[in-house]
Amino acid sequence: QVQLVESGGGLVQAGGSLRLSCAASGRTFSSYGLGWFRQTPGKGREFVAAINWRGDSTLYADSMKGRCTISRDNAKNTVYLQMNSLKPEDTAVYYCAANYRGVVVTTTCDMDYWGKGTLVTVSS
């Protein structure tokens, strides 16, 4: 098992940037695949970005390509999501998640552990 805690959310103006962090517990962090999802009342929880256990394979939602970068530092048990050129439609609660298979996944049903989320609000 692993526990995940997100941080770095907040209020930004359109065009601004945020760097989200997710700190994990446990010695087995480096073996997990990790991902970021976001949820709004209108659209539910949707995929944002994912990274495999080694950190050499990543995948991004079409809406985020060119605007965000997912990375991980296994020595610090932390995964990051750098978001740039933020838009009002990026407003959501952002969650980090982990799967014990260590692979890149894009569906919520394939994730085994979830953080409690951090709110990102982009004003226009």
N, C-alpha and C. Protein backbone atom coordinates (compact mmCIF):
# COMPACT_ATOMS: atom_id res chain seq x y z
N GLN A 1 0.83 -1.18 0.00
CA GLN A 1 0.00 0.00 0.00
C GLN A 1 0.88 1.25 0.00
N VAL A 2 0.29 2.34 -0.45
CA VAL A 2 0.98 3.62 -0.48
C VAL A 2 -0.02 4.72 -0.19
N GLN A 3 0.42 5.74 0.51
CA GLN A 3 -0.40 6.91 0.78
C GLN A 3 0.13 8.09 -0.02
N LEU A 4 -0.79 8.85 -0.61
CA LEU A 4 -0.44 9.95 -1.50
C LEU A 4 -1.04 11.25 -0.97
N VAL A 5 -0.24 12.32 -1.00
CA VAL A 5 -0.69 13.63 -0.53
C VAL A 5 -0.29 14.68 -1.56
N GLU A 6 -1.29 15.33 -2.16
CA GLU A 6 -1.05 16.35 -3.16
C GLU A 6 -0.86 17.72 -2.51
N SER A 7 -0.15 18.59 -3.21
CA SER A 7 0.02 19.97 -2.79
C SER A 7 0.35 20.83 -4.01
N GLY A 8 0.27 22.14 -3.84
CA GLY A 8 0.65 23.06 -4.90
C GLY A 8 -0.51 23.71 -5.62
N GLY A 9 -1.74 23.31 -5.32
CA GLY A 9 -2.88 23.94 -5.94
C GLY A 9 -3.10 25.34 -5.41
N GLY A 10 -3.98 26.07 -6.07
CA GLY A 10 -4.28 27.43 -5.65
C GLY A 10 -4.99 28.20 -6.74
N LEU A 11 -5.03 29.50 -6.56
CA LEU A 11 -5.69 30.41 -7.50
C LEU A 11 -4.66 31.09 -8.38
N VAL A 12 -4.84 30.98 -9.69
CA VAL A 12 -3.96 31.63 -10.65
C VAL A 12 -4.80 32.28 -11.74
N GLN A 13 -4.23 33.28 -12.39
CA GLN A 13 -4.89 33.90 -13.52
C GLN A 13 -4.63 33.12 -14.79
N ALA A 14 -5.53 33.25 -15.74
CA ALA A 14 -5.35 32.59 -17.03
C ALA A 14 -3.99 32.97 -17.62
N GLY A 15 -3.30 31.96 -18.14
CA GLY A 15 -1.96 32.16 -18.68
C GLY A 15 -0.85 31.91 -17.68
N GLY A 16 -1.20 31.73 -16.43
CA GLY A 16 -0.22 31.49 -15.39
C GLY A 16 0.21 30.04 -15.31
N SER A 17 1.04 29.75 -14.32
CA SER A 17 1.60 28.41 -14.15
C SER A 17 1.48 27.94 -12.71
N LEU A 18 1.42 26.63 -12.55
CA LEU A 18 1.44 25.99 -11.25
C LEU A 18 2.25 24.71 -11.34
N ARG A 19 2.87 24.35 -10.24
CA ARG A 19 3.56 23.08 -10.14
C ARG A 19 2.95 22.28 -9.00
N LEU A 20 2.27 21.21 -9.35
CA LEU A 20 1.67 20.33 -8.36
C LEU A 20 2.66 19.26 -7.94
N SER A 21 2.60 18.89 -6.67
CA SER A 21 3.45 17.84 -6.14
C SER A 21 2.59 16.80 -5.46
N CYS A 22 3.07 15.58 -5.46
CA CYS A 22 2.41 14.48 -4.77
C CYS A 22 3.47 13.68 -4.05
N ALA A 23 3.43 13.72 -2.74
CA ALA A 23 4.38 12.99 -1.92
C ALA A 23 3.78 11.65 -1.49
N ALA A 24 4.58 10.61 -1.56
CA ALA A 24 4.11 9.27 -1.24
C ALA A 24 4.92 8.67 -0.10
N SER A 25 4.29 7.76 0.59
CA SER A 25 4.95 7.03 1.67
C SER A 25 5.33 5.64 1.20
N GLY A 26 6.28 5.03 1.89
CA GLY A 26 6.64 3.66 1.62
C GLY A 26 7.89 3.48 0.79
N ARG A 27 8.59 2.40 1.05
CA ARG A 27 9.81 2.07 0.32
C ARG A 27 9.55 1.61 -1.11
N THR A 28 8.33 1.19 -1.41
CA THR A 28 8.01 0.65 -2.72
C THR A 28 7.55 1.69 -3.72
N PHE A 29 7.66 2.97 -3.39
CA PHE A 29 7.19 4.03 -4.28
C PHE A 29 7.76 3.91 -5.68
N SER A 30 9.03 3.58 -5.79
CA SER A 30 9.69 3.56 -7.09
C SER A 30 9.14 2.50 -8.04
N SER A 31 8.39 1.53 -7.53
CA SER A 31 7.85 0.47 -8.37
C SER A 31 6.46 0.78 -8.91
N TYR A 32 5.85 1.87 -8.50
CA TYR A 32 4.49 2.21 -8.90
C TYR A 32 4.46 3.09 -10.14
N GLY A 33 3.47 2.81 -10.98
CA GLY A 33 3.13 3.76 -12.02
C GLY A 33 2.30 4.87 -11.40
N LEU A 34 2.45 6.09 -11.90
CA LEU A 34 1.79 7.25 -11.30
C LEU A 34 1.03 8.03 -12.36
N GLY A 35 0.01 8.73 -11.90
CA GLY A 35 -0.76 9.53 -12.82
C GLY A 35 -1.45 10.69 -12.12
N TRP A 36 -1.87 11.64 -12.93
CA TRP A 36 -2.66 12.77 -12.47
C TRP A 36 -4.01 12.76 -13.18
N PHE A 37 -5.05 12.97 -12.41
CA PHE A 37 -6.41 13.07 -12.92
C PHE A 37 -7.03 14.34 -12.36
N ARG A 38 -8.09 14.80 -12.99
CA ARG A 38 -8.81 15.96 -12.48
C ARG A 38 -10.30 15.71 -12.55
N GLN A 39 -11.02 16.39 -11.68
CA GLN A 39 -12.45 16.17 -11.59
C GLN A 39 -13.20 17.49 -11.44
N THR A 40 -14.26 17.62 -12.21
CA THR A 40 -15.18 18.73 -12.11
C THR A 40 -16.59 18.17 -12.01
N PRO A 41 -17.52 18.95 -11.44
CA PRO A 41 -18.90 18.45 -11.35
C PRO A 41 -19.52 18.11 -12.69
N GLY A 42 -19.16 18.85 -13.73
CA GLY A 42 -19.78 18.64 -15.03
C GLY A 42 -19.24 17.47 -15.81
N LYS A 43 -17.92 17.18 -15.69
CA LYS A 43 -17.30 16.15 -16.52
C LYS A 43 -16.82 14.93 -15.75
N GLY A 44 -16.83 14.98 -14.45
CA GLY A 44 -16.32 13.87 -13.67
C GLY A 44 -14.80 13.82 -13.68
N ARG A 45 -14.26 12.68 -13.29
CA ARG A 45 -12.81 12.53 -13.19
C ARG A 45 -12.22 12.09 -14.54
N GLU A 46 -11.25 12.85 -15.03
CA GLU A 46 -10.66 12.57 -16.33
C GLU A 46 -9.14 12.53 -16.24
N PHE A 47 -8.55 11.82 -17.17
CA PHE A 47 -7.10 11.63 -17.22
C PHE A 47 -6.39 12.91 -17.62
N VAL A 48 -5.24 13.16 -16.98
CA VAL A 48 -4.41 14.31 -17.30
C VAL A 48 -3.04 13.88 -17.81
N ALA A 49 -2.32 13.08 -17.02
CA ALA A 49 -0.97 12.66 -17.38
C ALA A 49 -0.59 11.43 -16.59
N ALA A 50 0.36 10.65 -17.13
CA ALA A 50 0.82 9.43 -16.45
C ALA A 50 2.29 9.21 -16.73
N ILE A 51 2.94 8.46 -15.84
CA ILE A 51 4.35 8.14 -15.96
C ILE A 51 4.58 6.75 -15.38
N ASN A 52 5.47 5.99 -16.02
CA ASN A 52 5.73 4.64 -15.54
C ASN A 52 6.72 4.64 -14.39
N TRP A 53 7.01 3.45 -13.86
CA TRP A 53 7.84 3.35 -12.66
C TRP A 53 9.25 3.87 -12.89
N ARG A 54 9.78 3.66 -14.09
CA ARG A 54 11.15 4.07 -14.38
C ARG A 54 11.24 5.56 -14.70
N GLY A 55 10.13 6.15 -15.13
CA GLY A 55 10.13 7.55 -15.50
C GLY A 55 10.54 7.81 -16.94
N ASP A 56 10.68 6.77 -17.75
CA ASP A 56 11.09 6.93 -19.13
C ASP A 56 9.93 6.82 -20.12
N SER A 57 8.71 6.72 -19.62
CA SER A 57 7.54 6.65 -20.47
C SER A 57 6.45 7.53 -19.87
N THR A 58 5.93 8.45 -20.67
CA THR A 58 4.89 9.37 -20.21
C THR A 58 3.78 9.45 -21.24
N LEU A 59 2.61 9.88 -20.78
CA LEU A 59 1.47 10.05 -21.65
C LEU A 59 0.63 11.22 -21.13
N TYR A 60 0.09 12.01 -22.07
CA TYR A 60 -0.67 13.19 -21.71
C TYR A 60 -2.02 13.21 -22.41
N ALA A 61 -3.00 13.79 -21.74
CA ALA A 61 -4.26 14.03 -22.39
C ALA A 61 -4.07 15.05 -23.50
N ASP A 62 -4.87 14.93 -24.56
CA ASP A 62 -4.74 15.84 -25.69
C ASP A 62 -4.88 17.30 -25.27
N SER A 63 -5.75 17.55 -24.32
CA SER A 63 -5.99 18.92 -23.89
C SER A 63 -4.81 19.53 -23.15
N MET A 64 -3.87 18.70 -22.70
CA MET A 64 -2.74 19.18 -21.91
C MET A 64 -1.41 19.13 -22.65
N LYS A 65 -1.36 18.49 -23.79
CA LYS A 65 -0.11 18.36 -24.53
C LYS A 65 0.47 19.72 -24.87
N GLY A 66 1.75 19.87 -24.59
CA GLY A 66 2.42 21.13 -24.83
C GLY A 66 2.29 22.12 -23.70
N ARG A 67 1.46 21.83 -22.72
CA ARG A 67 1.24 22.75 -21.61
C ARG A 67 1.63 22.17 -20.26
N CYS A 68 1.88 20.89 -20.18
CA CYS A 68 2.22 20.30 -18.90
C CYS A 68 3.30 19.24 -19.06
N THR A 69 3.99 18.98 -17.95
CA THR A 69 5.04 17.98 -17.92
C THR A 69 4.93 17.19 -16.62
N ILE A 70 4.86 15.88 -16.72
CA ILE A 70 4.86 15.03 -15.55
C ILE A 70 6.26 14.47 -15.36
N SER A 71 6.70 14.43 -14.12
CA SER A 71 8.02 13.90 -13.80
C SER A 71 7.98 13.28 -12.41
N ARG A 72 8.99 12.49 -12.10
CA ARG A 72 9.05 11.88 -10.78
C ARG A 72 10.47 11.85 -10.28
N ASP A 73 10.61 11.91 -8.98
CA ASP A 73 11.89 11.79 -8.31
C ASP A 73 11.73 10.68 -7.28
N ASN A 74 12.15 9.49 -7.65
CA ASN A 74 11.95 8.34 -6.78
C ASN A 74 12.75 8.45 -5.48
N ALA A 75 13.87 9.15 -5.52
CA ALA A 75 14.66 9.34 -4.32
C ALA A 75 13.90 10.17 -3.28
N LYS A 76 13.00 11.05 -3.76
CA LYS A 76 12.21 11.88 -2.87
C LYS A 76 10.77 11.39 -2.72
N ASN A 77 10.45 10.27 -3.34
CA ASN A 77 9.09 9.72 -3.29
C ASN A 77 8.05 10.75 -3.71
N THR A 78 8.33 11.45 -4.80
CA THR A 78 7.47 12.54 -5.22
C THR A 78 7.27 12.52 -6.73
N VAL A 79 6.05 12.83 -7.15
CA VAL A 79 5.73 13.01 -8.55
C VAL A 79 5.22 14.44 -8.73
N TYR A 80 5.56 15.05 -9.87
CA TYR A 80 5.25 16.45 -10.12
C TYR A 80 4.40 16.60 -11.38
N LEU A 81 3.64 17.66 -11.42
CA LEU A 81 2.93 18.05 -12.63
C LEU A 81 3.12 19.55 -12.80
N GLN A 82 3.95 19.93 -13.77
CA GLN A 82 4.15 21.33 -14.11
C GLN A 82 3.13 21.73 -15.15
N MET A 83 2.32 22.73 -14.86
CA MET A 83 1.28 23.19 -15.77
C MET A 83 1.53 24.65 -16.13
N ASN A 84 1.52 24.92 -17.42
CA ASN A 84 1.74 26.26 -17.94
C ASN A 84 0.56 26.68 -18.81
N SER A 85 0.50 27.96 -19.11
CA SER A 85 -0.55 28.50 -19.97
C SER A 85 -1.92 28.01 -19.53
N LEU A 86 -2.20 28.14 -18.27
CA LEU A 86 -3.44 27.62 -17.71
C LEU A 86 -4.65 28.38 -18.23
N LYS A 87 -5.73 27.65 -18.40
CA LYS A 87 -6.98 28.18 -18.92
C LYS A 87 -8.08 28.00 -17.88
N PRO A 88 -9.12 28.82 -17.95
CA PRO A 88 -10.23 28.65 -16.99
C PRO A 88 -10.80 27.23 -16.99
N GLU A 89 -10.82 26.57 -18.13
CA GLU A 89 -11.34 25.21 -18.18
C GLU A 89 -10.44 24.19 -17.50
N ASP A 90 -9.24 24.60 -17.07
CA ASP A 90 -8.38 23.73 -16.29
C ASP A 90 -8.77 23.70 -14.82
N THR A 91 -9.70 24.55 -14.43
CA THR A 91 -10.16 24.58 -13.04
C THR A 91 -10.76 23.23 -12.66
N ALA A 92 -10.23 22.64 -11.60
CA ALA A 92 -10.68 21.32 -11.17
C ALA A 92 -9.94 20.93 -9.90
N VAL A 93 -10.39 19.86 -9.29
CA VAL A 93 -9.62 19.21 -8.23
C VAL A 93 -8.70 18.20 -8.89
N TYR A 94 -7.41 18.33 -8.64
CA TYR A 94 -6.42 17.46 -9.25
C TYR A 94 -5.99 16.38 -8.26
N TYR A 95 -6.02 15.14 -8.71
CA TYR A 95 -5.67 13.99 -7.90
C TYR A 95 -4.46 13.28 -8.47
N CYS A 96 -3.58 12.81 -7.60
CA CYS A 96 -2.56 11.89 -8.03
C CYS A 96 -2.98 10.48 -7.66
N ALA A 97 -2.51 9.52 -8.44
CA ALA A 97 -2.91 8.13 -8.25
C ALA A 97 -1.74 7.21 -8.59
N ALA A 98 -1.79 5.99 -8.05
CA ALA A 98 -0.71 5.02 -8.26
C ALA A 98 -1.27 3.65 -8.57
N ASN A 99 -0.57 2.92 -9.42
CA ASN A 99 -0.91 1.53 -9.68
C ASN A 99 0.29 0.64 -9.38
N TYR A 100 0.03 -0.50 -8.77
CA TYR A 100 1.12 -1.36 -8.33
C TYR A 100 1.81 -2.08 -9.47
N ARG A 101 1.22 -2.08 -10.66
CA ARG A 101 1.84 -2.72 -11.82
C ARG A 101 3.00 -1.91 -12.38
N GLY A 102 3.05 -0.63 -12.03
CA GLY A 102 4.17 0.21 -12.44
C GLY A 102 4.10 0.72 -13.87
N VAL A 103 2.93 0.64 -14.49
CA VAL A 103 2.80 0.98 -15.90
C VAL A 103 2.02 2.27 -16.07
N VAL A 104 2.09 2.81 -17.30
CA VAL A 104 1.31 3.98 -17.66
C VAL A 104 -0.13 3.54 -17.90
N VAL A 105 -1.07 4.13 -17.18
CA VAL A 105 -2.49 3.86 -17.37
C VAL A 105 -3.24 5.18 -17.44
N THR A 106 -4.38 5.15 -18.11
CA THR A 106 -5.16 6.36 -18.32
C THR A 106 -6.58 6.27 -17.79
N THR A 107 -6.92 5.18 -17.13
CA THR A 107 -8.28 4.98 -16.64
C THR A 107 -8.27 4.88 -15.12
N THR A 108 -9.30 5.43 -14.52
CA THR A 108 -9.38 5.44 -13.06
C THR A 108 -9.51 4.04 -12.48
N CYS A 109 -10.15 3.14 -13.22
CA CYS A 109 -10.37 1.79 -12.70
C CYS A 109 -9.08 1.00 -12.58
N ASP A 110 -8.02 1.41 -13.27
CA ASP A 110 -6.74 0.70 -13.21
C ASP A 110 -5.79 1.26 -12.16
N MET A 111 -6.21 2.29 -11.45
CA MET A 111 -5.41 2.85 -10.38
C MET A 111 -5.80 2.23 -9.05
N ASP A 112 -4.81 1.96 -8.21
CA ASP A 112 -5.04 1.26 -6.95
C ASP A 112 -5.10 2.19 -5.75
N TYR A 113 -4.41 3.32 -5.80
CA TYR A 113 -4.34 4.24 -4.67
C TYR A 113 -4.55 5.67 -5.14
N TRP A 114 -5.22 6.46 -4.32
CA TRP A 114 -5.56 7.83 -4.66
C TRP A 114 -5.25 8.78 -3.52
N GLY A 115 -4.80 9.99 -3.87
CA GLY A 115 -4.71 11.06 -2.91
C GLY A 115 -6.06 11.73 -2.74
N LYS A 116 -6.12 12.71 -1.86
CA LYS A 116 -7.38 13.40 -1.58
C LYS A 116 -7.62 14.61 -2.48
N GLY A 117 -6.64 14.99 -3.26
CA GLY A 117 -6.81 16.04 -4.24
C GLY A 117 -6.35 17.41 -3.77
N THR A 118 -6.06 18.27 -4.74
CA THR A 118 -5.72 19.67 -4.49
C THR A 118 -6.45 20.52 -5.52
N LEU A 119 -7.05 21.61 -5.07
CA LEU A 119 -7.90 22.43 -5.93
C LEU A 119 -7.07 23.43 -6.72
N VAL A 120 -7.29 23.45 -8.02
CA VAL A 120 -6.70 24.44 -8.92
C VAL A 120 -7.82 25.29 -9.48
N THR A 121 -7.73 26.60 -9.28
CA THR A 121 -8.72 27.53 -9.80
C THR A 121 -8.04 28.53 -10.71
N VAL A 122 -8.48 28.60 -11.95
CA VAL A 122 -7.91 29.51 -12.93
C VAL A 122 -8.95 30.58 -13.23
N SER A 123 -8.64 31.81 -12.92
CA SER A 123 -9.56 32.92 -13.12
C SER A 123 -9.35 33.55 -14.48
N SER A 124 -10.41 34.11 -15.03
CA SER A 124 -10.35 34.76 -16.32
C SER A 124 -10.32 36.27 -16.18
